[in-house]
Amino acid sequence: RFLKNILWFRRFLKENKIQIIHTHSRAAAKLAYWARLGLPIGMVSTIHGRQHPSFSKKLHNQYGEFLISVCENVKQQLIQDFSYSENKIKVVRNPIDENRFHFINKKFSDLKNIKIAIIGRTTGPKKERTEQVIKALPPHYSVTLIGGKTSDLHLDPKDLVRVSEKSEKEVPQLSSAIYGEYDLVIGSGRVCMEALTTGIPTIAFGEAKYVGLITVENYQQAIESNFGDIDPVQLLPKINIEQFQLDVKNFYLTDSAALSQKAIQDFSLNVISKKVHRLYESAYFIRQFPKWIPILMYHKIPDSAIASTHRTFVTKNNFKKHLQFFKRSGFTTLTFGDLEKYRTNLLPLQSFPKKPLILTFDDGYKDNLQNASELLNKYNFRAQ
């Protein structure tokens, strides 16, 4: 079946002239890796969580030209456990849609009747911690489970009385309007991103760690673990109940406006999509031209040798010899602007030189114009 899938997908890629494959799972990455063998198709993979160690992953990178890790802890594990190149792993966070999520300036007028939403599943590792959280909350706080079920939990009758649930039918899609119904949100990952953007105080606990109440001070640390969901070493932490109760007590003191601004900057769909699109362009370009492009940096081009501690010069006569060598060797010079145009498809890739070369001049000395420019024009070369 896997072989049939590879052959079908390979035919699909050719017939539809696909330029980029973006995978989001181990199975998809494995399929794409084999299907595009020998084809000029770029590949990008998003890694959403910890990867299970395996010999095949260590043997070769099946994820393509670039790996997108949704947070810093994913990147750290890919380097730590699989020795993947740091340059190929880009941290690009999960996006949220500004049309659905925006800041609302919520006021807390009645701290005695607090409404709390615990959002996420109530099975697996989160089941026990959800039970802990509910039991530790003040008795006069009401709790709504969104995406979870009370039937999954072992709760005392006194706790069950104040817990309700909303199914996917009742909340088919989360939005700022839904988050705005609550005074405090408890969850991880995307839930925290959306709640913070809306301006609702948020306590983060995920499958890997308990982060606690998100503040301006611990925000950066929180996003590195995707709000508690991912750690380089898999953990099953117990919640520090005293810390949790302190976080609940102080939730209304957070700077919601500042946190919302940070979340919008980090998770904006508009910003994230541009980053992903740039990786598409780069992956496709690299797939077409995998060889490295030589870049030379010159400084001074004096008429003759000069007294220089670091000897950062090439005499005019030697520079002429350099250019003659480049000409004989068949190099074509590019600028970084040209490279950008090829990468973004403003220039056709078919015209990309077989032997590209980038010549650069640092500092901008007068002799660059007097000597270097004259020779560059003579041999029809360009420099930056």
Protein backbone atom coordinates (compact mmCIF):
# COMPACT_ATOMS: atom_id res chain seq x y z
CA ARG A 1 0.00 0.00 0.00
CA PHE A 2 2.83 2.41 0.87
CA LEU A 3 4.51 1.75 -2.50
CA LYS A 4 1.20 2.38 -4.29
CA ASN A 5 0.80 5.64 -2.39
CA ILE A 6 4.31 6.74 -3.39
CA LEU A 7 3.67 6.01 -7.07
CA TRP A 8 0.28 7.73 -7.03
CA PHE A 9 1.65 10.80 -5.26
CA ARG A 10 4.67 10.98 -7.57
CA ARG A 11 2.35 10.94 -10.60
CA PHE A 12 0.19 13.64 -8.97
CA LEU A 13 3.23 15.86 -8.34
CA LYS A 14 4.34 15.62 -11.98
CA GLU A 15 0.90 16.08 -13.55
CA ASN A 16 0.14 19.16 -11.46
CA LYS A 17 3.64 20.65 -11.72
CA ILE A 18 3.87 20.95 -7.94
CA GLN A 19 6.76 23.11 -6.72
CA ILE A 20 6.49 22.72 -2.94
CA ILE A 21 5.28 20.00 -0.58
CA HIS A 22 4.44 21.03 3.00
CA THR A 23 4.02 18.11 5.39
CA HIS A 24 2.59 18.13 8.91
CA SER A 25 3.13 14.58 10.15
CA ARG A 26 5.77 11.85 10.21
CA ALA A 27 3.75 9.69 7.81
CA ALA A 28 3.28 12.58 5.35
CA ALA A 29 6.99 13.46 5.49
CA LYS A 30 7.99 9.85 4.82
CA LEU A 31 5.61 9.64 1.84
CA ALA A 32 6.78 12.97 0.40
CA TYR A 33 10.45 12.10 0.88
CA TRP A 34 10.20 9.02 -1.36
CA ALA A 35 7.70 10.47 -3.83
CA ARG A 36 9.83 13.49 -4.76
CA LEU A 37 13.15 11.62 -5.12
CA GLY A 38 14.92 13.02 -8.19
CA LEU A 39 12.20 15.63 -8.79
CA PRO A 40 12.89 19.41 -8.62
CA ILE A 41 10.31 19.90 -5.87
CA GLY A 42 11.04 21.70 -2.62
CA MET A 43 9.83 20.33 0.70
CA VAL A 44 9.08 21.92 4.05
CA SER A 45 7.84 20.11 7.15
CA THR A 46 6.22 21.55 10.23
CA ILE A 47 7.12 19.70 13.43
CA HIS A 48 4.36 20.24 15.97
CA GLY A 49 5.74 18.24 18.90
CA ARG A 50 8.47 15.98 20.22
CA GLN A 51 9.66 13.39 17.71
CA HIS A 52 10.04 9.76 18.75
CA PRO A 53 13.67 8.65 18.37
CA SER A 54 14.29 6.27 15.50
CA PHE A 55 17.31 5.04 13.57
CA SER A 56 15.90 6.14 10.19
CA LYS A 57 15.46 9.75 11.36
CA LYS A 58 19.04 9.87 12.60
CA LEU A 59 20.31 8.24 9.40
CA HIS A 60 18.80 10.84 7.10
CA ASN A 61 16.62 13.93 7.32
CA GLN A 62 13.32 13.00 5.68
CA TYR A 63 11.73 16.40 6.40
CA GLY A 64 13.02 18.36 3.40
CA GLU A 65 15.01 21.53 2.89
CA PHE A 66 13.58 23.24 5.98
CA LEU A 67 12.00 22.06 9.21
CA ILE A 68 9.55 24.45 10.82
CA SER A 69 9.42 23.97 14.58
CA VAL A 70 6.46 25.55 16.33
CA CYS A 71 8.58 26.52 19.34
CA GLU A 72 12.18 26.60 20.56
CA ASN A 73 11.88 23.35 22.54
CA VAL A 74 11.00 21.40 19.39
CA LYS A 75 14.08 22.82 17.67
CA GLN A 76 16.25 21.91 20.65
CA GLN A 77 15.05 18.30 20.58
CA LEU A 78 15.65 17.96 16.83
CA ILE A 79 19.24 19.11 17.29
CA GLN A 80 19.78 17.19 20.53
CA ASP A 81 18.30 13.81 19.53
CA PHE A 82 18.78 13.74 15.75
CA SER A 83 21.78 16.05 15.17
CA TYR A 84 19.90 17.99 12.49
CA SER A 85 21.54 21.16 11.17
CA GLU A 86 20.49 24.21 13.17
CA ASN A 87 20.44 26.29 9.97
CA LYS A 88 17.69 24.11 8.50
CA ILE A 89 15.38 24.41 11.51
CA LYS A 90 13.31 27.60 11.62
CA VAL A 91 11.10 28.52 14.58
CA VAL A 92 7.80 29.65 13.06
CA ARG A 93 4.95 29.61 15.54
CA ASN A 94 1.41 28.44 14.91
CA PRO A 95 -0.66 31.34 13.56
CA ILE A 96 -3.97 32.75 14.74
CA ASP A 97 -6.43 34.61 12.57
CA GLU A 98 -6.80 38.30 13.44
CA ASN A 99 -10.34 38.21 12.03
CA ARG A 100 -11.41 35.84 14.81
CA PHE A 101 -9.16 37.01 17.64
CA HIS A 102 -8.63 40.55 18.84
CA PHE A 103 -8.10 42.37 22.12
CA ILE A 104 -11.12 43.11 24.29
CA ASN A 105 -10.61 45.25 27.36
CA LYS A 106 -12.33 43.06 29.95
CA LYS A 107 -13.03 44.57 33.37
CA PHE A 108 -13.15 42.49 36.56
CA SER A 109 -15.84 44.03 38.70
CA ASP A 110 -16.89 41.01 40.74
CA LEU A 111 -14.02 38.86 41.98
CA LYS A 112 -16.39 36.67 44.01
CA ASN A 113 -18.16 35.17 41.01
CA ILE A 114 -15.31 34.15 38.75
CA LYS A 115 -15.98 32.18 35.58
CA ILE A 116 -13.18 29.84 34.49
CA ALA A 117 -12.83 27.96 31.21
CA ILE A 118 -10.61 24.87 31.07
CA ILE A 119 -10.11 24.25 27.36
CA GLY A 120 -8.74 21.02 25.94
CA ARG A 121 -9.24 17.31 26.16
CA THR A 122 -9.74 15.58 29.51
CA THR A 123 -8.14 12.29 28.54
CA GLY A 124 -4.55 11.07 28.54
CA PRO A 125 -1.92 13.00 30.52
CA LYS A 126 -4.24 16.00 31.01
CA LYS A 127 -6.98 14.02 32.72
CA GLU A 128 -5.31 13.80 36.15
CA ARG A 129 -4.10 17.40 36.02
CA THR A 130 -7.56 18.70 35.10
CA GLU A 131 -8.92 16.88 38.16
CA GLN A 132 -6.21 18.45 40.32
CA VAL A 133 -6.98 21.91 38.99
CA ILE A 134 -10.74 21.70 39.59
CA LYS A 135 -10.32 20.36 43.13
CA ALA A 136 -7.85 23.15 43.98
CA LEU A 137 -10.10 26.01 42.82
CA PRO A 138 -12.06 28.08 45.36
CA PRO A 139 -15.55 26.57 45.85
CA HIS A 140 -17.37 29.70 44.63
CA TYR A 141 -15.62 29.68 41.21
CA SER A 142 -17.64 28.16 38.35
CA VAL A 143 -15.85 26.00 35.76
CA THR A 144 -16.72 25.23 32.14
CA LEU A 145 -14.99 22.44 30.27
CA ILE A 146 -14.69 23.23 26.56
CA GLY A 147 -13.62 20.22 24.55
CA GLY A 148 -13.53 18.03 27.64
CA LYS A 149 -16.10 15.89 29.48
CA THR A 150 -17.00 15.60 33.14
CA SER A 151 -17.56 11.87 32.54
CA ASP A 152 -13.79 11.51 31.93
CA LEU A 153 -12.99 12.86 35.39
CA HIS A 154 -13.21 11.48 38.91
CA LEU A 155 -14.67 14.40 40.85
CA ASP A 156 -16.40 14.67 44.20
CA PRO A 157 -20.13 15.56 44.02
CA LYS A 158 -19.38 19.00 45.52
CA ASP A 159 -16.98 19.72 42.64
CA LEU A 160 -19.30 18.34 39.97
CA VAL A 161 -22.01 20.81 40.99
CA ARG A 162 -19.99 23.80 39.74
CA VAL A 163 -18.59 22.16 36.59
CA SER A 164 -20.40 22.35 33.25
CA GLU A 165 -19.26 21.44 29.78
CA LYS A 166 -19.63 22.75 26.24
CA SER A 167 -19.37 20.33 23.35
CA GLU A 168 -18.01 20.96 19.86
CA LYS A 169 -21.59 21.45 18.70
CA GLU A 170 -22.06 24.28 21.19
CA VAL A 171 -18.63 25.79 20.47
CA PRO A 172 -17.77 24.74 16.89
CA GLN A 173 -15.10 27.43 16.62
CA LEU A 174 -13.36 29.42 19.33
CA SER A 175 -13.21 33.19 18.95
CA SER A 176 -12.65 36.29 21.05
CA ALA A 177 -16.40 36.37 21.70
CA ILE A 178 -16.21 32.92 23.34
CA TYR A 179 -13.09 33.71 25.37
CA GLY A 180 -14.67 36.99 26.47
CA GLU A 181 -17.34 35.09 28.39
CA TYR A 182 -14.74 34.01 30.96
CA ASP A 183 -12.52 35.75 33.51
CA LEU A 184 -9.71 33.19 33.46
CA VAL A 185 -8.68 30.56 30.90
CA ILE A 186 -6.68 27.42 31.66
CA GLY A 187 -5.09 25.46 28.82
CA SER A 188 -2.01 25.09 26.67
CA GLY A 189 -0.71 25.70 23.15
CA ARG A 190 -3.19 27.38 20.84
CA VAL A 191 -5.66 28.00 23.66
CA CYS A 192 -3.15 30.24 25.44
CA MET A 193 -2.29 32.08 22.21
CA GLU A 194 -5.94 32.86 21.55
CA ALA A 195 -6.83 33.75 25.13
CA LEU A 196 -3.86 36.10 25.55
CA THR A 197 -4.63 37.81 22.24
CA THR A 198 -8.18 38.37 23.45
CA GLY A 199 -6.87 39.85 26.68
CA ILE A 200 -8.08 37.14 29.07
CA PRO A 201 -5.74 36.15 31.92
CA THR A 202 -4.34 32.71 31.19
CA ILE A 203 -2.83 29.86 33.19
CA ALA A 204 -0.79 27.46 31.05
CA PHE A 205 -0.34 23.81 31.80
CA GLY A 206 0.38 21.27 29.10
CA GLU A 207 1.57 17.73 28.64
CA ALA A 208 5.18 18.63 29.43
CA LYS A 209 5.12 21.22 32.20
CA TYR A 210 3.12 23.57 34.35
CA VAL A 211 3.98 27.13 33.32
CA GLY A 212 1.45 28.90 35.52
CA LEU A 213 -0.08 32.33 35.18
CA ILE A 214 1.29 34.00 32.03
CA THR A 215 2.80 37.39 32.80
CA VAL A 216 4.90 39.84 30.83
CA GLU A 217 7.93 38.52 32.75
CA ASN A 218 7.51 34.80 31.95
CA TYR A 219 5.87 35.16 28.52
CA GLN A 220 9.02 34.44 26.50
CA GLN A 221 9.79 31.34 28.55
CA ALA A 222 6.18 30.20 28.11
CA ILE A 223 6.17 30.40 24.31
CA GLU A 224 9.43 28.42 24.11
CA SER A 225 7.53 25.35 25.38
CA ASN A 226 4.35 26.24 23.44
CA PHE A 227 2.78 27.10 26.78
CA GLY A 228 3.74 23.89 28.53
CA ASP A 229 3.03 21.40 25.77
CA ILE A 230 6.59 20.59 24.67
CA ASP A 231 9.86 19.97 26.47
CA PRO A 232 13.12 18.55 25.07
CA VAL A 233 12.77 15.80 27.67
CA GLN A 234 9.29 14.30 27.94
CA LEU A 235 7.84 14.92 31.37
CA LEU A 236 4.62 14.08 33.16
CA PRO A 237 4.64 16.78 35.80
CA LYS A 238 2.47 17.08 38.84
CA ILE A 239 1.01 20.52 39.40
CA ASN A 240 2.32 22.43 42.38
CA ILE A 241 -1.05 23.09 44.00
CA GLU A 242 0.21 25.93 46.18
CA GLN A 243 1.65 27.71 43.14
CA PHE A 244 -1.54 27.10 41.19
CA GLN A 245 -3.71 28.54 43.94
CA LEU A 246 -1.44 31.59 44.13
CA ASP A 247 -1.71 32.03 40.36
CA VAL A 248 -5.50 31.85 40.56
CA LYS A 249 -5.53 34.38 43.40
CA ASN A 250 -3.47 36.91 41.40
CA PHE A 251 -4.82 36.32 37.88
CA TYR A 252 -6.49 39.74 37.55
CA LEU A 253 -3.20 41.58 38.18
CA THR A 254 -1.67 40.63 34.80
CA ASP A 255 -1.11 43.31 32.15
CA SER A 256 -3.62 41.97 29.63
CA ALA A 257 -3.08 44.74 27.08
CA ALA A 258 0.71 44.23 26.97
CA LEU A 259 0.34 40.44 26.74
CA SER A 260 -2.20 40.79 23.93
CA GLN A 261 0.21 42.97 21.98
CA LYS A 262 3.01 40.42 22.39
CA ALA A 263 0.73 37.57 21.27
CA ILE A 264 -0.44 39.51 18.20
CA GLN A 265 3.18 40.18 17.19
CA ASP A 266 4.22 36.53 17.63
CA PHE A 267 1.18 34.66 16.30
CA SER A 268 -0.38 36.95 13.68
CA LEU A 269 -1.54 34.90 10.69
CA ASN A 270 -0.39 37.70 8.39
CA VAL A 271 3.15 37.68 9.84
CA ILE A 272 3.45 33.88 10.06
CA SER A 273 2.17 33.27 6.53
CA LYS A 274 4.85 35.59 5.11
CA LYS A 275 7.55 33.66 6.98
CA VAL A 276 6.24 30.34 5.68
CA HIS A 277 5.96 31.68 2.13
CA ARG A 278 9.59 32.83 2.26
CA LEU A 279 10.62 29.31 3.30
CA TYR A 280 8.65 27.92 0.34
CA GLU A 281 10.60 30.17 -2.01
CA SER A 282 13.93 29.28 -0.43
CA ALA A 283 13.20 25.53 -0.37
CA TYR A 284 12.23 25.54 -4.04
CA PHE A 285 15.31 27.57 -4.98
CA ILE A 286 17.65 25.32 -2.98
CA ARG A 287 16.12 22.23 -4.60
CA GLN A 288 16.89 23.68 -8.04
CA PHE A 289 20.40 24.85 -7.12
CA PRO A 290 21.71 22.82 -4.19
CA LYS A 291 25.35 23.83 -4.68
CA TRP A 292 26.76 26.58 -2.50
CA ILE A 293 27.29 29.98 -4.10
CA PRO A 294 30.79 31.43 -3.59
CA ILE A 295 30.82 34.94 -2.12
CA LEU A 296 34.08 36.86 -2.01
CA MET A 297 34.64 39.95 0.12
CA TYR A 298 37.18 42.55 -0.95
CA HIS A 299 38.30 45.66 0.91
CA LYS A 300 40.92 48.01 -0.57
CA ILE A 301 42.09 47.84 -4.20
CA PRO A 302 45.17 50.14 -4.15
CA ASP A 303 47.49 50.82 -7.08
CA SER A 304 50.30 49.02 -5.26
CA ALA A 305 50.93 47.22 -1.96
CA ILE A 306 50.36 49.40 1.11
CA ALA A 307 51.41 49.22 4.74
CA SER A 308 48.53 47.37 6.41
CA THR A 309 48.52 45.43 9.68
CA HIS A 310 45.89 42.95 8.52
CA ARG A 311 46.70 43.19 4.77
CA THR A 312 43.04 43.57 3.82
CA PHE A 313 43.84 44.67 0.28
CA VAL A 314 44.32 43.30 -3.20
CA THR A 315 46.38 45.44 -5.56
CA LYS A 316 44.81 46.64 -8.78
CA ASN A 317 47.00 44.33 -10.84
CA ASN A 318 46.17 41.26 -8.71
CA PHE A 319 42.46 42.16 -8.80
CA LYS A 320 42.72 42.21 -12.59
CA LYS A 321 44.17 38.68 -12.45
CA HIS A 322 41.28 37.59 -10.25
CA LEU A 323 38.76 38.86 -12.77
CA GLN A 324 40.61 37.23 -15.66
CA PHE A 325 40.49 33.92 -13.77
CA PHE A 326 36.73 34.29 -13.13
CA LYS A 327 36.21 35.01 -16.84
CA ARG A 328 38.24 32.00 -18.00
CA SER A 329 36.43 29.77 -15.48
CA GLY A 330 33.01 30.76 -16.79
CA PHE A 331 31.66 32.52 -13.68
CA THR A 332 28.69 34.89 -13.91
CA THR A 333 28.40 37.52 -11.19
CA LEU A 334 25.19 38.22 -9.31
CA THR A 335 24.16 40.75 -6.71
CA PHE A 336 22.09 39.88 -3.65
CA GLY A 337 19.24 41.73 -5.37
CA ASP A 338 19.49 39.31 -8.30
CA LEU A 339 19.48 36.38 -5.92
CA GLU A 340 16.32 37.71 -4.27
CA LYS A 341 14.61 38.04 -7.67
CA TYR A 342 15.46 34.45 -8.57
CA ARG A 343 14.31 33.20 -5.18
CA THR A 344 10.96 35.02 -5.47
CA ASN A 345 10.51 33.99 -9.12
CA LEU A 346 10.73 37.55 -10.47
CA LEU A 347 13.54 36.24 -12.67
CA PRO A 348 13.02 32.85 -14.38
CA LEU A 349 15.06 30.10 -12.76
CA GLN A 350 15.93 28.78 -16.21
CA SER A 351 18.22 31.80 -16.63
CA PHE A 352 20.09 31.24 -13.35
CA PRO A 353 23.83 30.99 -14.13
CA LYS A 354 25.48 27.57 -14.01
CA LYS A 355 28.50 29.04 -12.20
CA PRO A 356 27.25 31.94 -10.04
CA LEU A 357 29.63 34.21 -8.13
CA ILE A 358 28.97 37.15 -5.80
CA LEU A 359 31.67 39.79 -5.43
CA THR A 360 31.32 42.14 -2.47
CA PHE A 361 33.27 45.18 -1.24
CA ASP A 362 33.37 46.00 2.44
CA ASP A 363 33.70 49.56 3.84
CA GLY A 364 33.53 51.37 0.47
CA TYR A 365 37.01 52.80 -0.05
CA LYS A 366 37.70 55.45 -2.70
CA ASP A 367 39.89 53.03 -4.65
CA ASN A 368 36.88 50.74 -5.10
CA LEU A 369 35.51 53.34 -7.51
CA GLN A 370 38.80 54.44 -8.98
CA ASN A 371 40.32 50.99 -9.58
CA ALA A 372 37.86 48.15 -8.98
CA SER A 373 34.90 49.67 -10.82
CA GLU A 374 36.97 50.31 -13.94
CA LEU A 375 38.11 46.67 -14.10
CA LEU A 376 34.67 45.26 -13.30
CA ASN A 377 33.21 47.19 -16.24
CA LYS A 378 36.02 46.03 -18.52
CA TYR A 379 35.30 42.34 -17.83
CA ASN A 380 31.52 42.80 -17.65
CA PHE A 381 31.28 41.81 -13.98
CA ARG A 382 29.04 43.23 -11.25
CA ALA A 383 29.71 43.64 -7.56
CA GLN A 384 27.89 44.62 -4.39
